[in-house]
Amino acid sequence: MQTAVIGGASLFGGCGKPTLALIGGFVIATVYNGLDLMGVSAAVQDMATGVVLVLAVTIDCVVRRRSKTTV
């Protein structure tokens, strides 16, 4: 589900693109890999991924609200 939120379909409906889902997967993998190389624990890696997901949903909400007000 994580890659769908980052690069694919929105949680609020709609459809995503396979290439964007792949990019989302790379983002999550990069976060995990970078934190693992720094020696961060698995619990902190999960929390960091959660923060990235919350940011992605927040950005999606803001973009959708702005697009509705300009139409």
C-alpha atoms as a PDB file:
ATOM      1  CA  MET A   1       0.000   0.000   0.000  1.00  0.00           C
ATOM      2  CA  GLN A   2       2.848   2.404   0.650  1.00  0.00           C
ATOM      3  CA  THR A   3       3.879   2.763  -2.970  1.00  0.00           C
ATOM      4  CA  ALA A   4       0.273   3.328  -4.029  1.00  0.00           C
ATOM      5  CA  VAL A   5       0.073   6.325  -1.726  1.00  0.00           C
ATOM      6  CA  ILE A   6       3.423   7.766  -2.716  1.00  0.00           C
ATOM      7  CA  GLY A   7       3.235   7.400  -6.477  1.00  0.00           C
ATOM      8  CA  GLY A   8       0.061   5.704  -7.560  1.00  0.00           C
ATOM      9  CA  ALA A   9      -3.601   6.154  -6.783  1.00  0.00           C
ATOM     10  CA  SER A  10      -4.738   8.740  -4.284  1.00  0.00           C
ATOM     11  CA  LEU A  11      -6.373   7.683  -1.035  1.00  0.00           C
ATOM     12  CA  PHE A  12      -9.262   9.956  -2.006  1.00  0.00           C
ATOM     13  CA  GLY A  13     -10.058   8.196  -5.267  1.00  0.00           C
ATOM     14  CA  GLY A  14      -8.812   8.372  -8.782  1.00  0.00           C
ATOM     15  CA  CYS A  15      -6.268   6.289 -10.581  1.00  0.00           C
ATOM     16  CA  GLY A  16      -2.525   6.206 -10.624  1.00  0.00           C
ATOM     17  CA  LYS A  17       0.052   5.388 -13.231  1.00  0.00           C
ATOM     18  CA  PRO A  18       2.379   2.382 -13.039  1.00  0.00           C
ATOM     19  CA  THR A  19       5.462   4.539 -13.570  1.00  0.00           C
ATOM     20  CA  LEU A  20       4.485   6.791 -10.674  1.00  0.00           C
ATOM     21  CA  ALA A  21       3.971   3.740  -8.457  1.00  0.00           C
ATOM     22  CA  LEU A  22       7.491   2.587  -9.353  1.00  0.00           C
ATOM     23  CA  ILE A  23       8.866   5.996  -8.453  1.00  0.00           C
ATOM     24  CA  GLY A  24       7.006   5.764  -5.153  1.00  0.00           C
ATOM     25  CA  GLY A  25       8.599   2.398  -4.510  1.00  0.00           C
ATOM     26  CA  PHE A  26      12.027   3.871  -5.191  1.00  0.00           C
ATOM     27  CA  VAL A  27      11.317   6.694  -2.724  1.00  0.00           C
ATOM     28  CA  ILE A  28      10.396   4.250   0.034  1.00  0.00           C
ATOM     29  CA  ALA A  29      13.368   2.008  -0.773  1.00  0.00           C
ATOM     30  CA  THR A  30      15.706   5.004  -0.710  1.00  0.00           C
ATOM     31  CA  VAL A  31      14.416   6.087   2.697  1.00  0.00           C
ATOM     32  CA  TYR A  32      14.869   2.580   4.100  1.00  0.00           C
ATOM     33  CA  ASN A  33      18.273   2.102   2.493  1.00  0.00           C
ATOM     34  CA  GLY A  34      19.619   5.466   3.602  1.00  0.00           C
ATOM     35  CA  LEU A  35      18.490   4.969   7.170  1.00  0.00           C
ATOM     36  CA  ASP A  36      19.843   1.414   7.192  1.00  0.00           C
ATOM     37  CA  LEU A  37      23.246   2.624   5.987  1.00  0.00           C
ATOM     38  CA  MET A  38      23.238   5.164   8.817  1.00  0.00           C
ATOM     39  CA  GLY A  39      22.600   2.351  11.307  1.00  0.00           C
ATOM     40  CA  VAL A  40      19.132   3.508  12.326  1.00  0.00           C
ATOM     41  CA  SER A  41      16.890   0.931  13.990  1.00  0.00           C
ATOM     42  CA  ALA A  42      13.993  -0.688  12.148  1.00  0.00           C
ATOM     43  CA  ALA A  43      11.464   1.087  14.359  1.00  0.00           C
ATOM     44  CA  VAL A  44      12.832   4.502  13.398  1.00  0.00           C
ATOM     45  CA  GLN A  45      12.858   3.448   9.734  1.00  0.00           C
ATOM     46  CA  ASP A  46       9.158   2.626   9.981  1.00  0.00           C
ATOM     47  CA  MET A  47       8.442   5.970  11.648  1.00  0.00           C
ATOM     48  CA  ALA A  48      10.349   7.827   8.943  1.00  0.00           C
ATOM     49  CA  THR A  49       8.373   5.998   6.272  1.00  0.00           C
ATOM     50  CA  GLY A  50       5.186   6.973   8.067  1.00  0.00           C
ATOM     51  CA  VAL A  51       6.248  10.614   8.017  1.00  0.00           C
ATOM     52  CA  VAL A  52       6.929  10.394   4.280  1.00  0.00           C
ATOM     53  CA  LEU A  53       3.460   8.891   3.743  1.00  0.00           C
ATOM     54  CA  VAL A  54       1.765  11.591   5.805  1.00  0.00           C
ATOM     55  CA  LEU A  55       3.606  14.258   3.813  1.00  0.00           C
ATOM     56  CA  ALA A  56       2.531  12.639   0.550  1.00  0.00           C
ATOM     57  CA  VAL A  57      -1.127  12.584   1.608  1.00  0.00           C
ATOM     58  CA  THR A  58      -0.910  16.184   2.833  1.00  0.00           C
ATOM     59  CA  ILE A  59       0.589  17.365  -0.444  1.00  0.00           C
ATOM     60  CA  ASP A  60      -2.099  15.467  -2.354  1.00  0.00           C
ATOM     61  CA  CYS A  61      -4.839  17.153  -0.294  1.00  0.00           C
ATOM     62  CA  VAL A  62      -3.382  20.614  -0.819  1.00  0.00           C
ATOM     63  CA  VAL A  63      -3.001  20.107  -4.571  1.00  0.00           C
ATOM     64  CA  ARG A  64      -6.561  18.795  -4.892  1.00  0.00           C
ATOM     65  CA  ARG A  65      -8.012  21.716  -2.908  1.00  0.00           C
ATOM     66  CA  ARG A  66      -6.125  24.265  -4.990  1.00  0.00           C
ATOM     67  CA  SER A  67      -7.231  22.654  -8.237  1.00  0.00           C
ATOM     68  CA  LYS A  68     -10.899  22.732  -7.106  1.00  0.00           C
ATOM     69  CA  THR A  69     -10.761  26.424  -6.199  1.00  0.00           C
ATOM     70  CA  THR A  70      -9.192  27.456  -9.523  1.00  0.00           C
ATOM     71  CA  VAL A  71     -11.866  25.668 -11.603  1.00  0.00           C
END
